[in-house]
Amino acid sequence: MNADEECAEREPAVDGWPDVPGDTALTIRVPEADRLVRAGFPAHVTVLYPFVHESRLDAAAHRDLSGLFAGHDAFTLAFAEFARYPGVLYLDPWPHTPITALAKDLTRRWPDAVPYRGIFDTPLAPHLTVANSEGPATQDAAYDALQAELEPLLPLSCRVRAVHLIVWDGTRWQDRTEYPLGLSAGSSTAARDARLPFQGYA
């Protein structure tokens, strides 16, 4: 993906992310925060990036994913505070626990899906990237001003009822499949194949 997260949301050609067509990620959409995001992609919180290559996602894998997500209840995320990584202004989703629980179950089932390709000594905490265009010399002033502009729009909350599988097609990330939370693993609606253009994460 690209640097949101943080890593996952910057252009691979610019930041060296080795994404190839068919790379995947699992994300939570947060449409309530779209109006705050200045980074050129829809508001989201990454659950796991990268996931396995799309070529490995056969019917059995989709059934496993449907069952895994169906075993987690829907939950609510609150966004009340800004925080920063180097070059990144983000919203801190609270609580972290349901997101990290999803990631833990995924990496237990697919242990070769190493978060952020293992490039961080300490895994990134869940976050919603607002802006990631500033460098060290400009980020403090720029993000101080942006944070002051956006803070009156907080707090906000989002009810999370599904996780999205997105796929890198070589040009952009596309929304491919939606996995509802809290459904019976045997439900025929447990995974919905969206196959719609996803105009973000690039």
N, C-alpha and C. Protein backbone atom coordinates (compact mmCIF):
# COMPACT_ATOMS: atom_id res chain seq x y z
N MET A 1 0.85 -1.18 0.00
CA MET A 1 0.00 0.00 0.00
C MET A 1 0.87 1.21 0.00
N ASN A 2 0.54 2.30 0.60
CA ASN A 2 1.39 3.48 0.52
C ASN A 2 1.63 4.13 1.86
N ALA A 3 1.72 5.22 2.46
CA ALA A 3 2.12 5.48 3.82
C ALA A 3 1.01 5.63 4.74
N ASP A 4 -0.05 5.55 4.61
CA ASP A 4 -0.78 5.30 5.83
C ASP A 4 -0.71 4.00 5.64
N GLU A 5 -1.19 4.02 5.13
CA GLU A 5 -1.05 3.85 6.30
C GLU A 5 0.32 3.82 6.30
N GLU A 6 0.59 4.55 6.92
CA GLU A 6 1.06 5.87 6.68
C GLU A 6 1.80 5.60 5.57
N CYS A 7 1.60 4.73 5.79
CA CYS A 7 2.59 4.12 5.16
C CYS A 7 1.93 3.51 4.08
N ALA A 8 0.80 3.29 4.23
CA ALA A 8 0.16 2.68 3.14
C ALA A 8 -0.44 3.67 2.24
N GLU A 9 -0.22 4.92 2.43
CA GLU A 9 -0.94 5.78 1.55
C GLU A 9 -0.10 6.75 0.78
N ARG A 10 1.17 6.56 0.69
CA ARG A 10 1.96 7.41 -0.18
C ARG A 10 2.30 6.67 -1.46
N GLU A 11 2.60 7.42 -2.49
CA GLU A 11 2.88 6.79 -3.78
C GLU A 11 4.07 5.85 -3.67
N PRO A 12 3.91 4.59 -4.07
CA PRO A 12 5.02 3.66 -4.00
C PRO A 12 6.25 4.15 -4.74
N ALA A 13 6.06 4.79 -5.90
CA ALA A 13 7.21 5.24 -6.68
C ALA A 13 7.99 6.31 -5.95
N VAL A 14 7.31 7.09 -5.11
CA VAL A 14 7.98 8.16 -4.38
C VAL A 14 8.61 7.65 -3.10
N ASP A 15 7.90 6.84 -2.38
CA ASP A 15 8.35 6.44 -1.06
C ASP A 15 8.97 5.04 -1.01
N GLY A 16 9.04 4.38 -2.13
CA GLY A 16 9.72 3.10 -2.16
C GLY A 16 8.89 1.92 -1.73
N TRP A 17 7.58 2.10 -1.62
CA TRP A 17 6.76 0.96 -1.24
C TRP A 17 6.71 -0.01 -2.39
N PRO A 18 7.04 -1.25 -2.14
CA PRO A 18 7.17 -2.21 -3.25
C PRO A 18 5.86 -2.88 -3.62
N ASP A 19 4.78 -2.10 -3.70
CA ASP A 19 3.50 -2.69 -4.06
C ASP A 19 3.52 -3.17 -5.50
N VAL A 20 2.90 -4.31 -5.72
CA VAL A 20 2.77 -4.86 -7.07
C VAL A 20 1.31 -5.17 -7.31
N PRO A 21 0.86 -5.18 -8.58
CA PRO A 21 -0.54 -5.51 -8.84
C PRO A 21 -0.93 -6.82 -8.17
N GLY A 22 -2.07 -6.78 -7.49
CA GLY A 22 -2.54 -7.95 -6.77
C GLY A 22 -2.27 -7.90 -5.28
N ASP A 23 -1.44 -6.95 -4.83
CA ASP A 23 -1.26 -6.77 -3.38
C ASP A 23 -2.60 -6.38 -2.77
N THR A 24 -2.83 -6.79 -1.53
CA THR A 24 -4.10 -6.52 -0.87
C THR A 24 -3.89 -5.93 0.52
N ALA A 25 -4.94 -5.36 1.05
CA ALA A 25 -4.95 -4.87 2.43
C ALA A 25 -6.37 -4.96 2.95
N LEU A 26 -6.52 -4.95 4.26
CA LEU A 26 -7.82 -5.00 4.92
C LEU A 26 -8.01 -3.72 5.72
N THR A 27 -9.09 -3.00 5.45
CA THR A 27 -9.28 -1.67 6.02
C THR A 27 -10.70 -1.47 6.53
N ILE A 28 -10.84 -0.47 7.39
CA ILE A 28 -12.14 -0.03 7.90
C ILE A 28 -12.41 1.34 7.31
N ARG A 29 -13.49 1.48 6.58
CA ARG A 29 -13.88 2.79 6.05
C ARG A 29 -14.53 3.61 7.16
N VAL A 30 -14.22 4.92 7.17
CA VAL A 30 -14.78 5.84 8.16
C VAL A 30 -15.34 7.05 7.41
N PRO A 31 -16.48 6.92 6.76
CA PRO A 31 -17.00 8.03 5.95
C PRO A 31 -17.29 9.28 6.76
N GLU A 32 -17.55 9.12 8.05
CA GLU A 32 -17.81 10.28 8.90
C GLU A 32 -16.62 11.24 8.96
N ALA A 33 -15.43 10.73 8.66
CA ALA A 33 -14.21 11.54 8.72
C ALA A 33 -13.71 11.99 7.36
N ASP A 34 -14.42 11.66 6.29
CA ASP A 34 -13.94 12.02 4.96
C ASP A 34 -13.68 13.52 4.81
N ARG A 35 -14.53 14.35 5.40
CA ARG A 35 -14.37 15.79 5.22
C ARG A 35 -13.15 16.34 5.94
N LEU A 36 -12.54 15.58 6.83
CA LEU A 36 -11.34 16.02 7.51
C LEU A 36 -10.06 15.65 6.77
N VAL A 37 -10.13 14.63 5.93
CA VAL A 37 -8.92 14.10 5.31
C VAL A 37 -8.44 15.01 4.19
N ARG A 38 -7.14 15.31 4.21
CA ARG A 38 -6.52 16.17 3.21
C ARG A 38 -5.47 15.42 2.39
N ALA A 39 -5.43 14.12 2.52
CA ALA A 39 -4.36 13.35 1.88
C ALA A 39 -4.78 12.72 0.56
N GLY A 40 -5.99 12.97 0.08
CA GLY A 40 -6.37 12.50 -1.23
C GLY A 40 -6.91 11.09 -1.30
N PHE A 41 -7.37 10.54 -0.18
CA PHE A 41 -7.98 9.21 -0.17
C PHE A 41 -9.09 9.19 0.85
N PRO A 42 -10.01 8.25 0.77
CA PRO A 42 -11.10 8.19 1.73
C PRO A 42 -10.59 7.91 3.14
N ALA A 43 -11.30 8.41 4.12
CA ALA A 43 -10.93 8.18 5.52
C ALA A 43 -11.05 6.70 5.86
N HIS A 44 -10.02 6.17 6.48
CA HIS A 44 -10.01 4.75 6.81
C HIS A 44 -9.01 4.47 7.92
N VAL A 45 -9.18 3.32 8.54
CA VAL A 45 -8.21 2.78 9.49
C VAL A 45 -7.77 1.44 8.94
N THR A 46 -6.47 1.24 8.81
CA THR A 46 -5.97 -0.03 8.29
C THR A 46 -5.98 -1.09 9.38
N VAL A 47 -6.52 -2.26 9.05
CA VAL A 47 -6.46 -3.41 9.94
C VAL A 47 -5.18 -4.20 9.69
N LEU A 48 -4.89 -4.48 8.42
CA LEU A 48 -3.68 -5.21 8.07
C LEU A 48 -3.24 -4.86 6.66
N TYR A 49 -2.02 -4.34 6.55
CA TYR A 49 -1.37 -4.06 5.28
C TYR A 49 0.08 -4.48 5.38
N PRO A 50 0.58 -5.21 4.39
CA PRO A 50 -0.19 -5.86 3.34
C PRO A 50 -0.79 -7.17 3.82
N PHE A 51 -1.84 -7.61 3.14
CA PHE A 51 -2.38 -8.94 3.37
C PHE A 51 -1.76 -9.84 2.31
N VAL A 52 -2.33 -10.98 2.01
CA VAL A 52 -1.73 -11.89 1.04
C VAL A 52 -2.05 -11.44 -0.38
N HIS A 53 -1.27 -11.90 -1.34
CA HIS A 53 -1.50 -11.53 -2.74
C HIS A 53 -2.87 -12.06 -3.18
N GLU A 54 -3.51 -11.28 -4.05
CA GLU A 54 -4.87 -11.63 -4.49
C GLU A 54 -4.91 -13.02 -5.12
N SER A 55 -3.83 -13.46 -5.76
CA SER A 55 -3.82 -14.77 -6.40
C SER A 55 -4.02 -15.91 -5.42
N ARG A 56 -3.77 -15.65 -4.13
CA ARG A 56 -3.93 -16.68 -3.11
C ARG A 56 -5.32 -16.69 -2.49
N LEU A 57 -6.15 -15.75 -2.88
CA LEU A 57 -7.48 -15.63 -2.26
C LEU A 57 -8.50 -16.44 -3.05
N ASP A 58 -8.48 -17.73 -2.82
CA ASP A 58 -9.45 -18.61 -3.47
C ASP A 58 -10.72 -18.68 -2.63
N ALA A 59 -11.65 -19.53 -3.05
CA ALA A 59 -12.93 -19.62 -2.34
C ALA A 59 -12.74 -20.02 -0.88
N ALA A 60 -11.78 -20.91 -0.62
CA ALA A 60 -11.54 -21.34 0.76
C ALA A 60 -11.03 -20.18 1.60
N ALA A 61 -10.14 -19.36 1.04
CA ALA A 61 -9.61 -18.21 1.79
C ALA A 61 -10.72 -17.22 2.09
N HIS A 62 -11.61 -16.97 1.13
CA HIS A 62 -12.72 -16.06 1.38
C HIS A 62 -13.65 -16.61 2.45
N ARG A 63 -13.87 -17.92 2.45
CA ARG A 63 -14.69 -18.51 3.51
C ARG A 63 -14.01 -18.32 4.87
N ASP A 64 -12.70 -18.52 4.91
CA ASP A 64 -11.97 -18.32 6.17
C ASP A 64 -12.07 -16.88 6.64
N LEU A 65 -11.92 -15.95 5.71
CA LEU A 65 -12.04 -14.54 6.08
C LEU A 65 -13.45 -14.20 6.55
N SER A 66 -14.44 -14.72 5.85
CA SER A 66 -15.83 -14.47 6.26
C SER A 66 -16.07 -14.99 7.67
N GLY A 67 -15.59 -16.20 7.95
CA GLY A 67 -15.77 -16.76 9.27
C GLY A 67 -15.02 -16.01 10.34
N LEU A 68 -13.80 -15.59 10.01
CA LEU A 68 -13.00 -14.84 10.99
C LEU A 68 -13.70 -13.54 11.37
N PHE A 69 -14.11 -12.77 10.37
CA PHE A 69 -14.75 -11.48 10.68
C PHE A 69 -16.13 -11.67 11.30
N ALA A 70 -16.84 -12.71 10.89
CA ALA A 70 -18.14 -12.98 11.49
C ALA A 70 -18.03 -13.27 12.98
N GLY A 71 -16.86 -13.74 13.41
CA GLY A 71 -16.65 -14.05 14.82
C GLY A 71 -16.34 -12.84 15.69
N HIS A 72 -16.24 -11.66 15.08
CA HIS A 72 -15.99 -10.43 15.82
C HIS A 72 -17.24 -9.56 15.77
N ASP A 73 -17.66 -9.06 16.91
CA ASP A 73 -18.82 -8.18 16.95
C ASP A 73 -18.54 -6.84 16.30
N ALA A 74 -19.59 -6.22 15.76
CA ALA A 74 -19.48 -4.83 15.32
C ALA A 74 -19.10 -3.96 16.52
N PHE A 75 -18.47 -2.83 16.25
CA PHE A 75 -18.02 -1.97 17.35
C PHE A 75 -18.06 -0.51 16.90
N THR A 76 -17.90 0.38 17.86
CA THR A 76 -17.90 1.81 17.58
C THR A 76 -16.53 2.38 17.86
N LEU A 77 -16.03 3.19 16.93
CA LEU A 77 -14.78 3.92 17.12
C LEU A 77 -15.09 5.39 17.34
N ALA A 78 -14.40 5.98 18.29
CA ALA A 78 -14.50 7.42 18.55
C ALA A 78 -13.19 8.09 18.14
N PHE A 79 -13.32 9.27 17.59
CA PHE A 79 -12.16 10.06 17.16
C PHE A 79 -12.26 11.43 17.82
N ALA A 80 -11.42 11.67 18.81
CA ALA A 80 -11.50 12.91 19.58
C ALA A 80 -10.19 13.68 19.61
N GLU A 81 -9.08 13.04 19.22
CA GLU A 81 -7.77 13.68 19.36
C GLU A 81 -6.90 13.44 18.13
N PHE A 82 -6.11 14.46 17.82
CA PHE A 82 -5.09 14.33 16.79
C PHE A 82 -3.78 13.85 17.41
N ALA A 83 -2.98 13.20 16.59
CA ALA A 83 -1.63 12.81 17.00
C ALA A 83 -0.77 12.83 15.74
N ARG A 84 0.53 12.59 15.91
CA ARG A 84 1.43 12.69 14.76
C ARG A 84 2.48 11.59 14.76
N TYR A 85 2.75 11.11 13.56
CA TYR A 85 3.97 10.39 13.25
C TYR A 85 4.83 11.35 12.44
N PRO A 86 6.10 11.09 12.27
CA PRO A 86 6.92 11.98 11.42
C PRO A 86 6.29 12.16 10.04
N GLY A 87 5.93 13.40 9.72
CA GLY A 87 5.34 13.70 8.43
C GLY A 87 3.86 13.41 8.30
N VAL A 88 3.23 12.93 9.37
CA VAL A 88 1.84 12.49 9.29
C VAL A 88 1.02 13.08 10.43
N LEU A 89 -0.12 13.65 10.09
CA LEU A 89 -1.12 14.07 11.07
C LEU A 89 -2.26 13.06 11.00
N TYR A 90 -2.65 12.52 12.16
CA TYR A 90 -3.69 11.50 12.14
C TYR A 90 -4.64 11.66 13.31
N LEU A 91 -5.78 11.00 13.19
CA LEU A 91 -6.74 10.89 14.27
C LEU A 91 -6.54 9.56 14.97
N ASP A 92 -6.60 9.58 16.28
CA ASP A 92 -6.42 8.37 17.08
C ASP A 92 -7.78 7.72 17.29
N PRO A 93 -7.99 6.52 16.72
CA PRO A 93 -9.29 5.85 16.90
C PRO A 93 -9.34 5.16 18.27
N TRP A 94 -10.43 5.31 18.97
CA TRP A 94 -10.53 4.69 20.29
C TRP A 94 -11.83 3.92 20.40
N PRO A 95 -11.77 2.70 20.91
CA PRO A 95 -10.59 2.00 21.45
C PRO A 95 -9.78 1.31 20.35
N HIS A 96 -8.52 1.03 20.65
CA HIS A 96 -7.68 0.28 19.72
C HIS A 96 -7.99 -1.21 19.74
N THR A 97 -8.49 -1.69 20.86
CA THR A 97 -8.59 -3.13 21.10
C THR A 97 -9.31 -3.91 20.01
N PRO A 98 -10.50 -3.49 19.53
CA PRO A 98 -11.15 -4.32 18.51
C PRO A 98 -10.39 -4.37 17.19
N ILE A 99 -9.64 -3.32 16.88
CA ILE A 99 -8.85 -3.31 15.65
C ILE A 99 -7.66 -4.23 15.79
N THR A 100 -6.96 -4.13 16.91
CA THR A 100 -5.79 -4.99 17.10
C THR A 100 -6.19 -6.45 17.26
N ALA A 101 -7.39 -6.71 17.79
CA ALA A 101 -7.87 -8.09 17.90
C ALA A 101 -8.10 -8.68 16.50
N LEU A 102 -8.65 -7.89 15.60
CA LEU A 102 -8.82 -8.35 14.22
C LEU A 102 -7.47 -8.66 13.58
N ALA A 103 -6.53 -7.74 13.74
CA ALA A 103 -5.20 -7.92 13.15
C ALA A 103 -4.52 -9.16 13.72
N LYS A 104 -4.66 -9.36 15.01
CA LYS A 104 -4.02 -10.51 15.66
C LYS A 104 -4.60 -11.82 15.12
N ASP A 105 -5.91 -11.89 14.96
CA ASP A 105 -6.51 -13.11 14.42
C ASP A 105 -6.08 -13.35 12.98
N LEU A 106 -5.97 -12.28 12.20
CA LEU A 106 -5.55 -12.41 10.82
C LEU A 106 -4.11 -12.92 10.71
N THR A 107 -3.22 -12.35 11.50
CA THR A 107 -1.82 -12.77 11.41
C THR A 107 -1.59 -14.14 12.03
N ARG A 108 -2.48 -14.55 12.92
CA ARG A 108 -2.40 -15.91 13.45
C ARG A 108 -2.78 -16.91 12.36
N ARG A 109 -3.80 -16.56 11.58
CA ARG A 109 -4.26 -17.45 10.50
C ARG A 109 -3.33 -17.39 9.30
N TRP A 110 -2.82 -16.18 8.99
CA TRP A 110 -1.91 -15.98 7.86
C TRP A 110 -0.60 -15.38 8.37
N PRO A 111 0.27 -16.18 8.96
CA PRO A 111 1.47 -15.64 9.63
C PRO A 111 2.46 -14.97 8.69
N ASP A 112 2.35 -15.21 7.40
CA ASP A 112 3.27 -14.54 6.48
C ASP A 112 2.79 -13.15 6.09
N ALA A 113 1.62 -12.74 6.57
CA ALA A 113 1.12 -11.38 6.33
C ALA A 113 1.66 -10.47 7.42
N VAL A 114 2.87 -10.00 7.23
CA VAL A 114 3.58 -9.22 8.25
C VAL A 114 3.18 -7.75 8.12
N PRO A 115 2.64 -7.13 9.18
CA PRO A 115 2.20 -5.74 9.09
C PRO A 115 3.30 -4.81 8.60
N TYR A 116 2.95 -3.98 7.61
CA TYR A 116 3.87 -3.00 7.04
C TYR A 116 5.20 -3.62 6.61
N ARG A 117 5.11 -4.88 6.17
CA ARG A 117 6.26 -5.62 5.65
C ARG A 117 7.41 -5.70 6.66
N GLY A 118 7.09 -5.46 7.94
CA GLY A 118 8.09 -5.59 8.99
C GLY A 118 9.11 -4.48 9.04
N ILE A 119 8.82 -3.33 8.40
CA ILE A 119 9.84 -2.27 8.34
C ILE A 119 9.89 -1.44 9.62
N PHE A 120 8.88 -1.56 10.49
CA PHE A 120 8.88 -0.80 11.75
C PHE A 120 9.26 -1.72 12.90
N ASP A 121 10.20 -1.26 13.73
CA ASP A 121 10.60 -2.05 14.89
C ASP A 121 9.41 -2.25 15.83
N THR A 122 8.63 -1.19 16.01
CA THR A 122 7.41 -1.25 16.82
C THR A 122 6.23 -1.07 15.88
N PRO A 123 5.31 -2.01 15.86
CA PRO A 123 4.17 -1.89 14.93
C PRO A 123 3.41 -0.58 15.13
N LEU A 124 2.95 0.00 14.03
CA LEU A 124 2.16 1.22 14.11
C LEU A 124 0.84 0.93 14.81
N ALA A 125 0.46 1.83 15.71
CA ALA A 125 -0.84 1.71 16.36
C ALA A 125 -1.93 2.07 15.36
N PRO A 126 -3.17 1.62 15.59
CA PRO A 126 -4.26 2.01 14.69
C PRO A 126 -4.36 3.53 14.59
N HIS A 127 -4.67 4.02 13.41
CA HIS A 127 -4.72 5.46 13.18
C HIS A 127 -5.50 5.74 11.91
N LEU A 128 -5.99 6.98 11.79
CA LEU A 128 -6.68 7.44 10.60
C LEU A 128 -5.91 8.65 10.08
N THR A 129 -5.21 8.48 8.96
CA THR A 129 -4.38 9.54 8.42
C THR A 129 -5.23 10.69 7.90
N VAL A 130 -4.89 11.89 8.35
CA VAL A 130 -5.56 13.11 7.88
C VAL A 130 -4.72 13.79 6.81
N ALA A 131 -3.41 13.90 7.05
CA ALA A 131 -2.51 14.53 6.09
C ALA A 131 -1.14 13.89 6.21
N ASN A 132 -0.45 13.78 5.07
CA ASN A 132 0.88 13.17 5.09
C ASN A 132 1.80 13.76 4.03
N SER A 133 1.57 15.04 3.71
CA SER A 133 2.31 15.67 2.61
C SER A 133 3.47 16.54 3.06
N GLU A 134 3.61 16.78 4.37
CA GLU A 134 4.62 17.71 4.84
C GLU A 134 5.92 16.99 5.24
N GLY A 135 7.03 17.68 5.04
CA GLY A 135 8.33 17.18 5.46
C GLY A 135 8.71 17.75 6.81
N PRO A 136 9.89 17.35 7.33
CA PRO A 136 10.32 17.79 8.68
C PRO A 136 10.37 19.29 8.85
N ALA A 137 10.74 20.01 7.80
CA ALA A 137 10.92 21.46 7.93
C ALA A 137 9.61 22.23 7.99
N THR A 138 8.54 21.63 7.49
CA THR A 138 7.27 22.36 7.39
C THR A 138 6.13 21.74 8.17
N GLN A 139 6.31 20.52 8.67
CA GLN A 139 5.16 19.82 9.23
C GLN A 139 4.59 20.49 10.47
N ASP A 140 5.42 21.03 11.35
CA ASP A 140 4.88 21.59 12.59
C ASP A 140 3.94 22.75 12.32
N ALA A 141 4.39 23.72 11.53
CA ALA A 141 3.55 24.88 11.25
C ALA A 141 2.31 24.47 10.46
N ALA A 142 2.49 23.63 9.45
CA ALA A 142 1.36 23.25 8.60
C ALA A 142 0.33 22.44 9.38
N TYR A 143 0.80 21.48 10.16
CA TYR A 143 -0.13 20.63 10.87
C TYR A 143 -0.73 21.33 12.09
N ASP A 144 0.00 22.26 12.70
CA ASP A 144 -0.61 23.07 13.77
C ASP A 144 -1.81 23.84 13.22
N ALA A 145 -1.65 24.44 12.04
CA ALA A 145 -2.73 25.22 11.44
C ALA A 145 -3.89 24.30 11.04
N LEU A 146 -3.58 23.17 10.43
CA LEU A 146 -4.64 22.26 10.00
C LEU A 146 -5.38 21.68 11.20
N GLN A 147 -4.64 21.33 12.23
CA GLN A 147 -5.28 20.78 13.42
C GLN A 147 -6.22 21.80 14.05
N ALA A 148 -5.78 23.07 14.12
CA ALA A 148 -6.64 24.13 14.68
C ALA A 148 -7.90 24.31 13.84
N GLU A 149 -7.78 24.15 12.52
CA GLU A 149 -8.94 24.28 11.63
C GLU A 149 -9.94 23.15 11.84
N LEU A 150 -9.43 21.95 12.07
CA LEU A 150 -10.30 20.77 12.09
C LEU A 150 -10.81 20.40 13.48
N GLU A 151 -10.15 20.84 14.52
CA GLU A 151 -10.55 20.43 15.87
C GLU A 151 -12.00 20.75 16.21
N PRO A 152 -12.58 21.86 15.71
CA PRO A 152 -14.00 22.11 16.02
C PRO A 152 -14.94 21.04 15.46
N LEU A 153 -14.47 20.22 14.52
CA LEU A 153 -15.31 19.17 13.95
C LEU A 153 -15.30 17.89 14.78
N LEU A 154 -14.46 17.87 15.80
CA LEU A 154 -14.37 16.71 16.69
C LEU A 154 -15.19 16.95 17.95
N PRO A 155 -15.60 15.89 18.64
CA PRO A 155 -15.36 14.47 18.33
C PRO A 155 -16.33 13.96 17.28
N LEU A 156 -15.99 12.83 16.71
CA LEU A 156 -16.89 12.11 15.83
C LEU A 156 -16.77 10.62 16.12
N SER A 157 -17.75 9.87 15.68
CA SER A 157 -17.73 8.43 15.93
C SER A 157 -18.22 7.69 14.70
N CYS A 158 -17.87 6.42 14.63
CA CYS A 158 -18.22 5.58 13.49
C CYS A 158 -18.58 4.19 13.99
N ARG A 159 -19.71 3.69 13.56
CA ARG A 159 -20.09 2.31 13.85
C ARG A 159 -19.45 1.41 12.80
N VAL A 160 -18.62 0.49 13.21
CA VAL A 160 -17.89 -0.39 12.29
C VAL A 160 -18.64 -1.71 12.18
N ARG A 161 -19.17 -1.97 11.00
CA ARG A 161 -19.96 -3.19 10.77
C ARG A 161 -19.32 -4.12 9.75
N ALA A 162 -18.20 -3.69 9.14
CA ALA A 162 -17.58 -4.51 8.10
C ALA A 162 -16.12 -4.11 7.94
N VAL A 163 -15.36 -5.02 7.35
CA VAL A 163 -13.97 -4.76 6.97
C VAL A 163 -13.88 -4.96 5.46
N HIS A 164 -13.13 -4.09 4.79
CA HIS A 164 -13.01 -4.13 3.34
C HIS A 164 -11.67 -4.69 2.91
N LEU A 165 -11.72 -5.57 1.92
CA LEU A 165 -10.52 -6.03 1.24
C LEU A 165 -10.30 -5.13 0.04
N ILE A 166 -9.12 -4.50 -0.04
CA ILE A 166 -8.80 -3.66 -1.18
C ILE A 166 -7.59 -4.26 -1.90
N VAL A 167 -7.52 -3.99 -3.22
CA VAL A 167 -6.50 -4.60 -4.07
C VAL A 167 -5.81 -3.52 -4.88
N TRP A 168 -4.48 -3.60 -4.95
CA TRP A 168 -3.70 -2.68 -5.76
C TRP A 168 -3.66 -3.19 -7.19
N ASP A 169 -4.14 -2.37 -8.15
CA ASP A 169 -4.19 -2.81 -9.54
C ASP A 169 -3.01 -2.30 -10.36
N GLY A 170 -2.05 -1.69 -9.68
CA GLY A 170 -0.89 -1.12 -10.36
C GLY A 170 -0.98 0.38 -10.49
N THR A 171 -2.19 0.92 -10.34
CA THR A 171 -2.40 2.36 -10.44
C THR A 171 -3.08 2.91 -9.20
N ARG A 172 -4.02 2.16 -8.67
CA ARG A 172 -4.77 2.63 -7.51
C ARG A 172 -5.27 1.42 -6.73
N TRP A 173 -5.71 1.70 -5.50
CA TRP A 173 -6.34 0.67 -4.67
C TRP A 173 -7.81 0.61 -5.00
N GLN A 174 -8.33 -0.60 -5.19
CA GLN A 174 -9.73 -0.79 -5.53
C GLN A 174 -10.41 -1.61 -4.45
N ASP A 175 -11.64 -1.20 -4.10
CA ASP A 175 -12.43 -1.93 -3.13
C ASP A 175 -12.92 -3.21 -3.78
N ARG A 176 -12.62 -4.37 -3.18
CA ARG A 176 -12.92 -5.63 -3.83
C ARG A 176 -14.01 -6.42 -3.10
N THR A 177 -13.87 -6.58 -1.77
CA THR A 177 -14.82 -7.42 -1.04
C THR A 177 -15.08 -6.82 0.34
N GLU A 178 -16.30 -6.93 0.79
CA GLU A 178 -16.69 -6.44 2.12
C GLU A 178 -17.06 -7.65 2.98
N TYR A 179 -16.45 -7.71 4.16
CA TYR A 179 -16.72 -8.80 5.10
C TYR A 179 -17.46 -8.24 6.32
N PRO A 180 -18.74 -8.54 6.46
CA PRO A 180 -19.48 -8.04 7.62
C PRO A 180 -18.98 -8.65 8.93
N LEU A 181 -19.06 -7.89 9.97
CA LEU A 181 -18.75 -8.36 11.31
C LEU A 181 -20.00 -8.91 11.97
N GLY A 182 -19.81 -9.90 12.84
CA GLY A 182 -20.88 -10.34 13.70
C GLY A 182 -21.97 -11.15 13.04
N LEU A 183 -21.69 -11.74 11.86
CA LEU A 183 -22.67 -12.59 11.21
C LEU A 183 -22.29 -14.05 11.37
N SER A 184 -23.25 -14.92 11.15
CA SER A 184 -22.95 -16.35 11.15
C SER A 184 -21.96 -16.66 10.06
N ALA A 185 -20.95 -17.48 10.38
CA ALA A 185 -19.93 -17.83 9.39
C ALA A 185 -20.53 -18.51 8.18
N GLY A 186 -21.69 -19.13 8.33
CA GLY A 186 -22.30 -19.83 7.22
C GLY A 186 -23.23 -18.96 6.40
N SER A 187 -23.37 -17.70 6.77
CA SER A 187 -24.30 -16.85 6.05
C SER A 187 -23.84 -16.60 4.63
N SER A 188 -24.76 -16.65 3.69
CA SER A 188 -24.40 -16.42 2.30
C SER A 188 -24.04 -14.97 2.05
N THR A 189 -24.37 -14.07 3.00
CA THR A 189 -24.04 -12.66 2.82
C THR A 189 -22.82 -12.27 3.62
N ALA A 190 -22.10 -13.25 4.14
CA ALA A 190 -20.96 -12.94 4.99
C ALA A 190 -19.85 -12.24 4.25
N ALA A 191 -19.72 -12.44 2.96
CA ALA A 191 -18.76 -11.69 2.16
C ALA A 191 -19.49 -11.19 0.93
N ARG A 192 -19.36 -9.89 0.66
CA ARG A 192 -20.03 -9.33 -0.49
C ARG A 192 -18.97 -8.82 -1.45
N ASP A 193 -18.99 -9.31 -2.67
CA ASP A 193 -17.98 -8.94 -3.65
C ASP A 193 -18.41 -7.62 -4.26
N ALA A 194 -17.71 -6.54 -3.89
CA ALA A 194 -18.11 -5.22 -4.34
C ALA A 194 -17.64 -4.95 -5.77
N ARG A 195 -16.36 -5.17 -6.05
CA ARG A 195 -15.77 -4.94 -7.37
C ARG A 195 -16.14 -3.57 -7.91
N LEU A 196 -15.99 -2.55 -7.08
CA LEU A 196 -16.25 -1.19 -7.49
C LEU A 196 -14.95 -0.40 -7.46
N PRO A 197 -14.77 0.59 -8.32
CA PRO A 197 -13.55 1.40 -8.27
C PRO A 197 -13.42 2.07 -6.91
N PHE A 198 -12.23 2.06 -6.37
CA PHE A 198 -11.98 2.69 -5.07
C PHE A 198 -10.97 3.79 -5.31
N GLN A 199 -11.39 5.02 -5.18
CA GLN A 199 -10.57 6.15 -5.61
C GLN A 199 -9.63 6.65 -4.54
N GLY A 200 -9.05 5.77 -3.75
CA GLY A 200 -8.19 6.24 -2.69
C GLY A 200 -6.98 5.38 -2.49
N TYR A 201 -6.27 5.67 -1.42
CA TYR A 201 -5.07 4.93 -1.04
C TYR A 201 -3.97 5.05 -2.07
N ALA A 202 -4.00 6.05 -2.92
CA ALA A 202 -2.96 6.12 -3.92
C ALA A 202 -2.34 7.49 -3.96
